[in-house]
Structure formats: structure tokens, C-alpha cells
Amino acid sequence: MVKDGNVAVVLQTGRAPSVSVESAVVVAGVKKSFGLKPVLRRIDFVLPRGERLALLGANGAGKTTLLRLLAGLSKASSGTLCIDGLDTREHAQEVRARVGLVAHQTYAYEELSALENLLFFARLYDVAQARERSLALLEHVGLTRRANERVSTFSRGQLQRLAWARALLHNPSLLLLDEPDTGLDQQGNALVDTLLNEHYTSGGSIIFTTHQLERVLRLSDRVLILAGGRVAYQATTADLTLETLQQAYQEVVR
């Protein structure tokens, strides 16, 4: 049974959430297996537009797999995923144009410079004024001085900053962030908070994974915990304290 922290999302009735254009994300009856190994056994949830969802769970709970499905990098074994009312299977190209992804893999071409990487992705997304947009983002993430240097010389933190610039390049409506602070120092973490808040205040939606529970309360409107390939807990963060969130996490993940 889903433990619910005062969130009404039809899950307790056993029915899948319905698709709505007012929803940034609808995940209904989604299952994913790799060979004979099930990773996601059944996932159902809705994220309203303009809200932020923190996705929690132990390593191997299926968080990264779920984000890859939403980003169109993998296909569900069954079930439906919709972004802004568009089915990810039927409208794959349109969905990709609405999504910005920051993952453990940076998807950067090491033989190219930071600027060349962004210009390459700008062509894929048909970004207007691509050079100006790319340079502005490199400045925003603190990479102006390294704009023309090969990515192969970048540190992990610098690669993560470049990944953020790429994710924001085409002004996506939804950000999918898999531990977006990976490899960043304190200054980099502050930058992540700034970028998250900027996207949120501009009306964008966000799903992010993290192991830092205190950041969940600051940076999300909803929290969802995966365990055993299912949604084991969900709540609105306004109804939580750090203590109650820690308790819920420990009970679910133990």
C-alpha cells in the first residue's frame, strides 16, 4: 500500500492516474524489466505543471531507470508516460524538445570544446541565436573562461556545469535531474540551487533525485520514495518536517 502524506492521487483506488494537459508528468502503470529482472514493477504518479518532485530511494530502487524512461532514452515494458499531455512513445521527438536532462553521464563530446558541444546540441534542438544562447549559459554556469577548451580537460565538476548548460539550452518545460549536484563543491551546489529556483520561478517543472533529505524540503513541492520497484511513499513537502521525512525514508528503505 502507498503511504500517503496527504496527497490525493487516485493510487489508493488501484486506478492509474488520468492524463491531463494540466499535468507536467503522468506515469500510469509503468513497468520496466531488463531481461528477466524487473526494475520497475508498477509506477503511478502525477506531477502538476509548475511543481517540483523529489524522487528518493535506495541505490537500485529504479530512480535512474524512471528518469531515463521520462527522458525518452529507454522504453517502458508496459504502461504509459506522458509529458505535457504527450505520450512519450507516440510523440518522442516533441517530448525530447520539452525535456532537459542532467544525468550521471554528461553526454558531452570530449574532443569538442564546451562551446562546440553546446552549438552541436543547439542545432539538434533548432535553438534560435544559438551562439549567443550558448555563451550566455556558459557564463551563467561559470565556464566562460573555458568555453573554447576541449571538454577532455574538464574536471568532474566542470563537466557537471556543462551538463547543466546543455540541459537548459532549449528552454525545456521539464527538468529531469539525476543527483544534479554530483561532483560539485559548495559553490557548485549553490549554483544548482539557483538554477533550480530560476526554472521553478519561470513556471517550469522539475523531477530530481537526491540523497540529501534537507534539500528535499527546500527545493521540492512533493516527495516520492521508490522501494521494490514501486511507489512506497509520497507526500507534499509542506506537510513534512526533516524528522518526519527521515522517519518515512528509514521505514520504507530499511
Protein backbone atom coordinates (compact mmCIF):
# COMPACT_ATOMS: atom_id res chain seq x y z
CA MET A 1 0.00 0.00 0.00
CA VAL A 2 1.20 3.51 -0.77
CA LYS A 3 1.86 5.55 2.34
CA ASP A 4 0.41 8.95 1.58
CA GLY A 5 1.39 12.17 3.30
CA ASN A 6 -1.88 13.92 2.46
CA VAL A 7 -1.59 13.68 -1.34
CA ALA A 8 -4.69 12.66 -3.28
CA VAL A 9 -3.56 10.87 -6.43
CA VAL A 10 -6.03 8.01 -7.15
CA LEU A 11 -3.40 5.43 -6.28
CA GLN A 12 -5.29 4.06 -3.30
CA THR A 13 -8.21 3.08 -5.52
CA GLY A 14 -5.96 0.94 -7.68
CA ARG A 15 -6.70 3.07 -10.74
CA ALA A 16 -3.95 4.65 -12.80
CA PRO A 17 -3.83 8.45 -12.86
CA SER A 18 -5.52 10.01 -15.86
CA VAL A 19 -3.68 12.04 -18.50
CA SER A 20 -4.26 15.78 -18.32
CA VAL A 21 -2.73 18.68 -20.21
CA GLU A 22 -2.60 20.42 -16.82
CA SER A 23 -0.10 17.80 -15.69
CA ALA A 24 3.60 18.15 -16.43
CA VAL A 25 4.06 14.40 -15.98
CA VAL A 26 1.68 11.45 -15.83
CA VAL A 27 3.09 7.99 -15.16
CA ALA A 28 0.47 5.23 -15.30
CA GLY A 29 1.07 1.54 -14.73
CA VAL A 30 4.69 1.74 -15.82
CA LYS A 31 6.80 -1.39 -15.62
CA LYS A 32 10.36 -1.95 -16.78
CA SER A 33 12.38 -5.13 -16.87
CA PHE A 34 15.88 -5.85 -18.11
CA GLY A 35 15.71 -9.39 -19.39
CA LEU A 36 14.03 -11.40 -16.65
CA LYS A 37 14.86 -8.85 -13.96
CA PRO A 38 12.03 -6.44 -13.08
CA VAL A 39 13.28 -2.99 -12.03
CA LEU A 40 10.02 -1.04 -12.01
CA ARG A 41 7.08 -3.27 -11.02
CA ARG A 42 4.32 -0.67 -11.29
CA ILE A 43 4.72 3.09 -11.04
CA ASP A 44 1.81 5.55 -10.92
CA PHE A 45 2.03 9.25 -10.12
CA VAL A 46 1.13 12.70 -11.40
CA LEU A 47 3.20 15.89 -11.26
CA PRO A 48 1.15 19.07 -11.82
CA ARG A 49 2.70 21.70 -14.05
CA GLY A 50 4.99 24.14 -12.34
CA GLU A 51 5.78 21.86 -9.40
CA ARG A 52 8.94 20.14 -8.19
CA LEU A 53 9.17 16.45 -7.27
CA ALA A 54 12.00 14.92 -5.26
CA LEU A 55 12.46 11.26 -6.15
CA LEU A 56 14.04 9.26 -3.34
CA GLY A 57 15.05 5.66 -2.76
CA ALA A 58 17.98 3.41 -2.03
CA ASN A 59 20.54 2.67 -4.71
CA GLY A 60 18.97 0.29 -7.21
CA ALA A 61 15.41 1.36 -6.40
CA GLY A 62 14.78 2.37 -10.02
CA LYS A 63 15.16 6.16 -9.83
CA THR A 64 17.60 6.46 -12.72
CA THR A 65 15.61 3.97 -14.79
CA LEU A 66 12.46 6.05 -14.31
CA LEU A 67 14.22 9.26 -15.33
CA ARG A 68 15.61 7.57 -18.44
CA LEU A 69 12.09 6.48 -19.39
CA LEU A 70 10.79 10.02 -18.96
CA ALA A 71 13.68 11.42 -20.99
CA GLY A 72 12.99 9.04 -23.85
CA LEU A 73 16.34 7.26 -23.50
CA SER A 74 14.66 3.94 -22.77
CA LYS A 75 11.22 2.41 -23.33
CA ALA A 76 8.89 1.02 -20.69
CA SER A 77 8.00 -2.65 -20.84
CA SER A 78 4.38 -1.60 -20.28
CA GLY A 79 2.37 1.37 -19.10
CA THR A 80 2.13 5.00 -20.19
CA LEU A 81 4.34 8.04 -19.64
CA CYS A 82 3.14 11.49 -20.73
CA ILE A 83 4.94 14.84 -20.70
CA ASP A 84 2.71 17.91 -21.02
CA GLY A 85 -0.07 15.63 -22.23
CA LEU A 86 2.10 13.98 -24.90
CA ASP A 87 2.68 10.23 -24.85
CA THR A 88 6.42 9.59 -24.85
CA ARG A 89 6.06 6.72 -27.32
CA GLU A 90 3.81 8.45 -29.83
CA HIS A 91 5.42 11.90 -29.65
CA ALA A 92 9.04 11.07 -28.83
CA GLN A 93 10.61 13.99 -30.71
CA GLU A 94 8.21 16.56 -29.29
CA VAL A 95 8.73 15.21 -25.79
CA ARG A 96 12.53 15.43 -26.07
CA ALA A 97 12.19 19.09 -27.03
CA ARG A 98 10.33 19.71 -23.76
CA VAL A 99 12.79 17.90 -21.50
CA GLY A 100 16.19 18.91 -20.16
CA LEU A 101 18.27 16.13 -18.58
CA VAL A 102 21.19 16.24 -16.17
CA ALA A 103 22.39 12.69 -15.53
CA HIS A 104 25.45 10.85 -14.23
CA GLN A 105 26.55 10.60 -17.85
CA THR A 106 27.21 14.11 -19.15
CA TYR A 107 26.64 13.30 -22.86
CA ALA A 108 29.48 15.69 -23.73
CA TYR A 109 31.79 15.09 -26.69
CA GLU A 110 35.28 15.15 -25.22
CA GLU A 111 37.04 16.08 -28.46
CA LEU A 112 34.96 19.26 -28.76
CA SER A 113 35.17 22.44 -26.72
CA ALA A 114 32.44 23.44 -24.29
CA LEU A 115 31.08 25.97 -26.77
CA GLU A 116 31.23 23.50 -29.66
CA ASN A 117 29.28 20.99 -27.59
CA LEU A 118 26.50 23.48 -26.94
CA LEU A 119 26.40 24.59 -30.57
CA PHE A 120 26.08 20.95 -31.63
CA PHE A 121 23.11 20.37 -29.33
CA ALA A 122 21.64 23.74 -30.31
CA ARG A 123 21.45 22.54 -33.92
CA LEU A 124 19.69 19.36 -32.80
CA TYR A 125 17.07 21.40 -30.94
CA ASP A 126 16.90 24.18 -33.53
CA VAL A 127 17.78 26.82 -30.93
CA ALA A 128 17.49 30.40 -32.19
CA GLN A 129 20.58 32.62 -31.83
CA ALA A 130 22.50 29.52 -30.80
CA ARG A 131 25.90 31.14 -30.28
CA GLU A 132 24.55 33.93 -28.10
CA ARG A 133 22.43 31.50 -26.09
CA SER A 134 25.36 29.11 -25.63
CA LEU A 135 27.76 31.83 -24.49
CA ALA A 136 25.19 33.23 -22.08
CA LEU A 137 24.66 29.82 -20.49
CA LEU A 138 28.39 29.15 -20.22
CA GLU A 139 28.72 32.43 -18.37
CA HIS A 140 25.77 31.55 -16.15
CA VAL A 141 27.31 28.24 -15.08
CA GLY A 142 30.78 29.73 -14.61
CA LEU A 143 32.53 28.28 -17.67
CA THR A 144 33.20 31.40 -19.75
CA ARG A 145 36.97 31.13 -19.37
CA ARG A 146 36.89 27.51 -20.55
CA ALA A 147 34.40 27.98 -23.38
CA ASN A 148 36.94 27.17 -26.08
CA GLU A 149 38.84 24.43 -24.26
CA ARG A 150 38.41 20.75 -25.02
CA VAL A 151 36.00 19.00 -22.70
CA SER A 152 38.51 16.16 -22.22
CA THR A 153 40.47 18.52 -19.93
CA PHE A 154 37.49 19.28 -17.66
CA SER A 155 37.13 18.17 -14.06
CA ARG A 156 34.03 16.27 -12.96
CA GLY A 157 32.56 19.45 -11.52
CA GLN A 158 33.16 21.38 -14.74
CA LEU A 159 31.55 18.59 -16.76
CA GLN A 160 28.53 18.80 -14.50
CA ARG A 161 28.29 22.55 -15.07
CA LEU A 162 28.43 21.94 -18.83
CA ALA A 163 25.68 19.32 -18.48
CA TRP A 164 23.51 21.96 -16.83
CA ALA A 165 24.13 24.39 -19.69
CA ARG A 166 23.19 21.71 -22.22
CA ALA A 167 20.02 20.80 -20.29
CA LEU A 168 18.85 24.43 -20.24
CA LEU A 169 19.89 25.24 -23.81
CA HIS A 170 16.49 24.74 -25.47
CA ASN A 171 14.36 26.22 -22.66
CA PRO A 172 12.72 22.93 -21.63
CA SER A 173 9.48 22.93 -19.67
CA LEU A 174 10.59 19.92 -17.59
CA LEU A 175 13.97 19.32 -15.98
CA LEU A 176 14.95 15.74 -15.11
CA LEU A 177 17.90 15.74 -12.75
CA ASP A 178 19.69 12.62 -11.54
CA GLU A 179 21.68 13.74 -8.48
CA PRO A 180 22.47 17.07 -10.19
CA ASP A 181 24.99 18.10 -7.53
CA THR A 182 27.32 15.16 -8.29
CA GLY A 183 30.95 16.25 -8.39
CA LEU A 184 30.22 19.83 -7.33
CA ASP A 185 31.81 21.75 -4.49
CA GLN A 186 29.95 24.09 -2.14
CA GLN A 187 29.93 26.87 -4.74
CA GLY A 188 28.64 24.42 -7.34
CA ASN A 189 25.88 23.27 -5.02
CA ALA A 190 24.80 26.87 -4.56
CA LEU A 191 24.69 27.20 -8.36
CA VAL A 192 22.43 24.13 -8.59
CA ASP A 193 20.04 25.67 -6.08
CA THR A 194 20.00 28.89 -8.12
CA LEU A 195 19.33 27.08 -11.40
CA LEU A 196 16.56 25.01 -9.82
CA ASN A 197 14.89 28.09 -8.38
CA GLU A 198 15.18 30.02 -11.65
CA HIS A 199 13.50 27.23 -13.60
CA TYR A 200 10.79 26.89 -10.95
CA THR A 201 10.00 30.61 -10.71
CA SER A 202 9.74 30.79 -14.52
CA GLY A 203 6.93 28.22 -14.38
CA GLY A 204 8.96 25.11 -15.17
CA SER A 205 8.52 21.66 -13.65
CA ILE A 206 11.28 19.56 -12.07
CA ILE A 207 11.91 15.97 -11.07
CA PHE A 208 15.20 15.36 -9.28
CA THR A 209 16.87 12.59 -7.33
CA THR A 210 18.99 13.20 -4.26
CA HIS A 211 20.17 11.57 -1.05
CA GLN A 212 20.20 14.90 0.83
CA LEU A 213 16.88 14.99 2.65
CA GLU A 214 17.33 18.52 3.94
CA ARG A 215 17.47 19.79 0.34
CA VAL A 216 14.23 17.99 -0.45
CA LEU A 217 12.31 20.25 1.93
CA ARG A 218 13.89 23.40 0.45
CA LEU A 219 13.72 22.53 -3.22
CA SER A 220 10.59 20.45 -3.81
CA ASP A 221 6.81 20.60 -3.50
CA ARG A 222 6.33 16.84 -3.45
CA VAL A 223 8.37 13.83 -2.47
CA LEU A 224 8.07 10.27 -3.73
CA ILE A 225 10.02 7.29 -2.41
CA LEU A 226 10.62 4.19 -4.53
CA ALA A 227 11.18 0.79 -2.96
CA GLY A 228 10.98 -2.62 -4.54
CA GLY A 229 10.19 -1.09 -7.91
CA ARG A 230 7.03 0.59 -6.62
CA VAL A 231 5.89 3.90 -5.17
CA ALA A 232 6.18 3.18 -1.45
CA TYR A 233 5.50 6.68 -0.10
CA GLN A 234 4.51 10.12 -1.33
CA ALA A 235 3.68 13.42 0.33
CA THR A 236 3.66 17.15 -0.14
CA THR A 237 6.71 18.69 1.48
CA ALA A 238 4.59 21.40 3.11
CA ASP A 239 3.25 18.63 5.36
CA LEU A 240 6.70 17.35 6.34
CA THR A 241 9.50 18.21 8.70
CA LEU A 242 13.02 16.88 8.33
CA GLU A 243 12.31 14.49 11.20
CA THR A 244 9.12 13.06 9.66
CA LEU A 245 10.78 12.74 6.25
CA GLN A 246 13.77 10.94 7.76
CA GLN A 247 11.42 8.61 9.63
CA ALA A 248 9.39 7.85 6.50
CA TYR A 249 12.54 7.21 4.47
CA GLN A 250 14.01 4.87 7.06
CA GLU A 251 10.76 2.91 7.35
CA VAL A 252 10.44 2.49 3.59
CA VAL A 253 14.06 1.83 2.68
CA ARG A 254 15.09 -0.42 5.59
